[in-house]
Amino acid sequence: MYYNQYPYNIFNPALLQQIEQQNYHQEQQQQILKMRKAIKDYIEAARQVAPEYQQAAINQCLEEILLQAVNNSNQL
C-alpha cells in the first residue's frame, strides 16, 4: 500500500473484490462446519435410538429428506 495514495486505494475495485471473495470464503467455511456438526449430532442421536425404534427413525429421516428435495425442486 502506498500511503501517499491512501484515500484513493480504498476504492480500488480489485481490492474490494478480494475482500468480498475472502468474506464469501469465510461464510462458506462456516456453512461447512455447520453441516459437519449437524451430521455429528445426527449420528450421536441415532446411537441413542433403541433398536425397536430404529426403523421408525430411518423412515422419518427419509421423509424429511424427500420433503426437502421437493421443496428444493419447487424453488428452481
N, C-alpha and C. Protein backbone atom coordinates (compact mmCIF):
# COMPACT_ATOMS: atom_id res chain seq x y z
N MET A 1 0.85 -1.17 0.00
CA MET A 1 0.00 0.00 0.00
C MET A 1 0.89 1.23 0.00
N TYR A 2 0.58 2.12 -0.87
CA TYR A 2 1.29 3.39 -0.92
C TYR A 2 0.50 4.40 -0.10
N TYR A 3 1.10 4.85 0.97
CA TYR A 3 0.36 5.73 1.87
C TYR A 3 0.07 7.10 1.26
N ASN A 4 0.85 7.50 0.28
CA ASN A 4 0.55 8.79 -0.33
C ASN A 4 -0.68 8.72 -1.23
N GLN A 5 -1.17 7.50 -1.51
CA GLN A 5 -2.39 7.31 -2.30
C GLN A 5 -3.53 6.78 -1.44
N TYR A 6 -3.37 6.80 -0.15
CA TYR A 6 -4.31 6.15 0.78
C TYR A 6 -5.78 6.47 0.53
N PRO A 7 -6.18 7.71 0.44
CA PRO A 7 -7.62 7.94 0.29
C PRO A 7 -8.19 7.32 -0.98
N TYR A 8 -7.35 7.08 -1.98
CA TYR A 8 -7.86 6.61 -3.27
C TYR A 8 -7.85 5.09 -3.38
N ASN A 9 -6.89 4.44 -2.75
CA ASN A 9 -6.80 3.00 -2.95
C ASN A 9 -7.85 2.22 -2.16
N ILE A 10 -8.55 2.84 -1.22
CA ILE A 10 -9.62 2.11 -0.52
C ILE A 10 -10.81 1.88 -1.44
N PHE A 11 -10.89 2.58 -2.53
CA PHE A 11 -11.97 2.39 -3.50
C PHE A 11 -11.51 1.55 -4.70
N ASN A 12 -10.37 0.93 -4.57
CA ASN A 12 -9.82 0.10 -5.63
C ASN A 12 -10.75 -1.10 -5.84
N PRO A 13 -11.33 -1.25 -7.03
CA PRO A 13 -12.27 -2.35 -7.28
C PRO A 13 -11.64 -3.72 -7.08
N ALA A 14 -10.38 -3.87 -7.42
CA ALA A 14 -9.72 -5.17 -7.24
C ALA A 14 -9.60 -5.50 -5.75
N LEU A 15 -9.30 -4.50 -4.95
CA LEU A 15 -9.20 -4.71 -3.50
C LEU A 15 -10.57 -5.04 -2.92
N LEU A 16 -11.60 -4.34 -3.35
CA LEU A 16 -12.96 -4.63 -2.88
C LEU A 16 -13.39 -6.03 -3.28
N GLN A 17 -13.05 -6.44 -4.48
CA GLN A 17 -13.40 -7.79 -4.94
C GLN A 17 -12.67 -8.84 -4.12
N GLN A 18 -11.42 -8.58 -3.80
CA GLN A 18 -10.65 -9.52 -2.99
C GLN A 18 -11.26 -9.66 -1.59
N ILE A 19 -11.68 -8.56 -1.02
CA ILE A 19 -12.32 -8.58 0.30
C ILE A 19 -13.63 -9.35 0.24
N GLU A 20 -14.42 -9.12 -0.81
CA GLU A 20 -15.69 -9.84 -0.98
C GLU A 20 -15.45 -11.34 -1.13
N GLN A 21 -14.42 -11.72 -1.87
CA GLN A 21 -14.09 -13.13 -2.04
C GLN A 21 -13.68 -13.76 -0.72
N GLN A 22 -12.91 -13.03 0.07
CA GLN A 22 -12.49 -13.54 1.38
C GLN A 22 -13.71 -13.72 2.29
N ASN A 23 -14.62 -12.76 2.28
CA ASN A 23 -15.84 -12.86 3.09
C ASN A 23 -16.69 -14.05 2.64
N TYR A 24 -16.82 -14.22 1.34
CA TYR A 24 -17.59 -15.34 0.80
C TYR A 24 -16.96 -16.67 1.22
N HIS A 25 -15.64 -16.74 1.12
CA HIS A 25 -14.92 -17.96 1.51
C HIS A 25 -15.16 -18.26 2.99
N GLN A 26 -15.09 -17.26 3.84
CA GLN A 26 -15.32 -17.47 5.28
C GLN A 26 -16.75 -17.93 5.56
N GLU A 27 -17.71 -17.34 4.87
CA GLU A 27 -19.11 -17.74 5.04
C GLU A 27 -19.30 -19.20 4.64
N GLN A 28 -18.68 -19.59 3.53
CA GLN A 28 -18.81 -20.97 3.06
C GLN A 28 -18.15 -21.94 4.04
N GLN A 29 -17.02 -21.56 4.59
CA GLN A 29 -16.35 -22.40 5.57
C GLN A 29 -17.22 -22.57 6.81
N GLN A 30 -17.91 -21.51 7.23
CA GLN A 30 -18.81 -21.60 8.38
C GLN A 30 -19.98 -22.54 8.08
N GLN A 31 -20.51 -22.48 6.87
CA GLN A 31 -21.61 -23.37 6.50
C GLN A 31 -21.16 -24.83 6.49
N ILE A 32 -19.95 -25.07 6.02
CA ILE A 32 -19.41 -26.43 6.01
C ILE A 32 -19.28 -26.95 7.44
N LEU A 33 -18.81 -26.11 8.34
CA LEU A 33 -18.69 -26.53 9.74
C LEU A 33 -20.06 -26.81 10.35
N LYS A 34 -21.07 -26.02 9.98
CA LYS A 34 -22.43 -26.28 10.47
C LYS A 34 -22.93 -27.64 9.96
N MET A 35 -22.66 -27.93 8.70
CA MET A 35 -23.07 -29.22 8.13
C MET A 35 -22.39 -30.36 8.86
N ARG A 36 -21.10 -30.20 9.11
CA ARG A 36 -20.35 -31.25 9.80
C ARG A 36 -20.91 -31.49 11.20
N LYS A 37 -21.22 -30.41 11.91
CA LYS A 37 -21.77 -30.53 13.25
C LYS A 37 -23.15 -31.19 13.20
N ALA A 38 -23.95 -30.86 12.20
CA ALA A 38 -25.28 -31.46 12.07
C ALA A 38 -25.17 -32.97 11.87
N ILE A 39 -24.21 -33.39 11.07
CA ILE A 39 -24.02 -34.83 10.85
C ILE A 39 -23.57 -35.50 12.14
N LYS A 40 -22.66 -34.87 12.86
CA LYS A 40 -22.21 -35.42 14.14
C LYS A 40 -23.37 -35.54 15.11
N ASP A 41 -24.20 -34.49 15.20
CA ASP A 41 -25.36 -34.52 16.08
C ASP A 41 -26.34 -35.63 15.67
N TYR A 42 -26.52 -35.79 14.36
CA TYR A 42 -27.41 -36.83 13.86
C TYR A 42 -26.93 -38.21 14.28
N ILE A 43 -25.64 -38.47 14.11
CA ILE A 43 -25.08 -39.78 14.44
C ILE A 43 -25.17 -40.03 15.94
N GLU A 44 -24.87 -39.02 16.74
CA GLU A 44 -24.97 -39.18 18.19
C GLU A 44 -26.40 -39.48 18.61
N ALA A 45 -27.37 -38.82 17.99
CA ALA A 45 -28.78 -39.08 18.30
C ALA A 45 -29.18 -40.48 17.84
N ALA A 46 -28.71 -40.89 16.68
CA ALA A 46 -29.05 -42.21 16.14
C ALA A 46 -28.53 -43.32 17.05
N ARG A 47 -27.39 -43.10 17.67
CA ARG A 47 -26.84 -44.11 18.59
C ARG A 47 -27.73 -44.31 19.81
N GLN A 48 -28.52 -43.33 20.14
CA GLN A 48 -29.36 -43.40 21.35
C GLN A 48 -30.76 -43.94 21.07
N VAL A 49 -31.07 -44.19 19.80
CA VAL A 49 -32.39 -44.73 19.45
C VAL A 49 -32.37 -46.24 19.72
N ALA A 50 -33.35 -46.70 20.47
CA ALA A 50 -33.46 -48.12 20.78
C ALA A 50 -33.71 -48.92 19.50
N PRO A 51 -33.21 -50.14 19.45
CA PRO A 51 -33.35 -50.96 18.23
C PRO A 51 -34.78 -51.05 17.72
N GLU A 52 -35.75 -51.15 18.61
CA GLU A 52 -37.14 -51.30 18.15
C GLU A 52 -37.70 -50.01 17.54
N TYR A 53 -37.00 -48.90 17.68
CA TYR A 53 -37.44 -47.62 17.11
C TYR A 53 -36.57 -47.17 15.92
N GLN A 54 -35.56 -47.96 15.60
CA GLN A 54 -34.64 -47.55 14.53
C GLN A 54 -35.31 -47.46 13.17
N GLN A 55 -36.20 -48.39 12.86
CA GLN A 55 -36.87 -48.34 11.56
C GLN A 55 -37.75 -47.10 11.45
N ALA A 56 -38.47 -46.77 12.52
CA ALA A 56 -39.29 -45.56 12.52
C ALA A 56 -38.42 -44.32 12.37
N ALA A 57 -37.27 -44.31 13.02
CA ALA A 57 -36.36 -43.17 12.92
C ALA A 57 -35.85 -43.00 11.49
N ILE A 58 -35.47 -44.11 10.88
CA ILE A 58 -34.98 -44.06 9.49
C ILE A 58 -36.09 -43.57 8.57
N ASN A 59 -37.29 -44.09 8.75
CA ASN A 59 -38.42 -43.67 7.91
C ASN A 59 -38.67 -42.17 8.02
N GLN A 60 -38.64 -41.65 9.23
CA GLN A 60 -38.89 -40.22 9.41
C GLN A 60 -37.76 -39.38 8.83
N CYS A 61 -36.53 -39.84 8.95
CA CYS A 61 -35.40 -39.10 8.36
C CYS A 61 -35.50 -39.09 6.84
N LEU A 62 -35.87 -40.25 6.27
CA LEU A 62 -36.03 -40.31 4.81
C LEU A 62 -37.18 -39.42 4.35
N GLU A 63 -38.24 -39.38 5.14
CA GLU A 63 -39.37 -38.50 4.81
C GLU A 63 -38.92 -37.04 4.77
N GLU A 64 -38.11 -36.65 5.74
CA GLU A 64 -37.62 -35.27 5.77
C GLU A 64 -36.72 -34.98 4.57
N ILE A 65 -35.89 -35.93 4.21
CA ILE A 65 -35.03 -35.76 3.03
C ILE A 65 -35.89 -35.56 1.78
N LEU A 66 -36.92 -36.37 1.64
CA LEU A 66 -37.82 -36.23 0.49
C LEU A 66 -38.53 -34.88 0.48
N LEU A 67 -39.02 -34.45 1.65
CA LEU A 67 -39.67 -33.14 1.73
C LEU A 67 -38.73 -32.02 1.33
N GLN A 68 -37.50 -32.10 1.79
CA GLN A 68 -36.52 -31.07 1.44
C GLN A 68 -36.20 -31.11 -0.06
N ALA A 69 -36.12 -32.30 -0.62
CA ALA A 69 -35.85 -32.42 -2.06
C ALA A 69 -36.99 -31.82 -2.88
N VAL A 70 -38.24 -32.07 -2.45
CA VAL A 70 -39.39 -31.49 -3.15
C VAL A 70 -39.38 -29.98 -3.02
N ASN A 71 -39.11 -29.48 -1.81
CA ASN A 71 -39.06 -28.03 -1.62
C ASN A 71 -37.96 -27.41 -2.46
N ASN A 72 -36.84 -28.09 -2.55
CA ASN A 72 -35.72 -27.57 -3.34
C ASN A 72 -36.08 -27.54 -4.83
N SER A 73 -36.75 -28.58 -5.31
CA SER A 73 -37.10 -28.62 -6.74
C SER A 73 -38.17 -27.58 -7.06
N ASN A 74 -39.01 -27.24 -6.09
CA ASN A 74 -40.03 -26.20 -6.31
C ASN A 74 -39.41 -24.81 -6.35
N GLN A 75 -38.27 -24.65 -5.76
CA GLN A 75 -37.61 -23.34 -5.74
C GLN A 75 -36.82 -23.07 -7.03
N LEU A 76 -36.62 -24.09 -7.82
CA LEU A 76 -35.83 -23.90 -9.06
C LEU A 76 -36.60 -23.23 -10.13
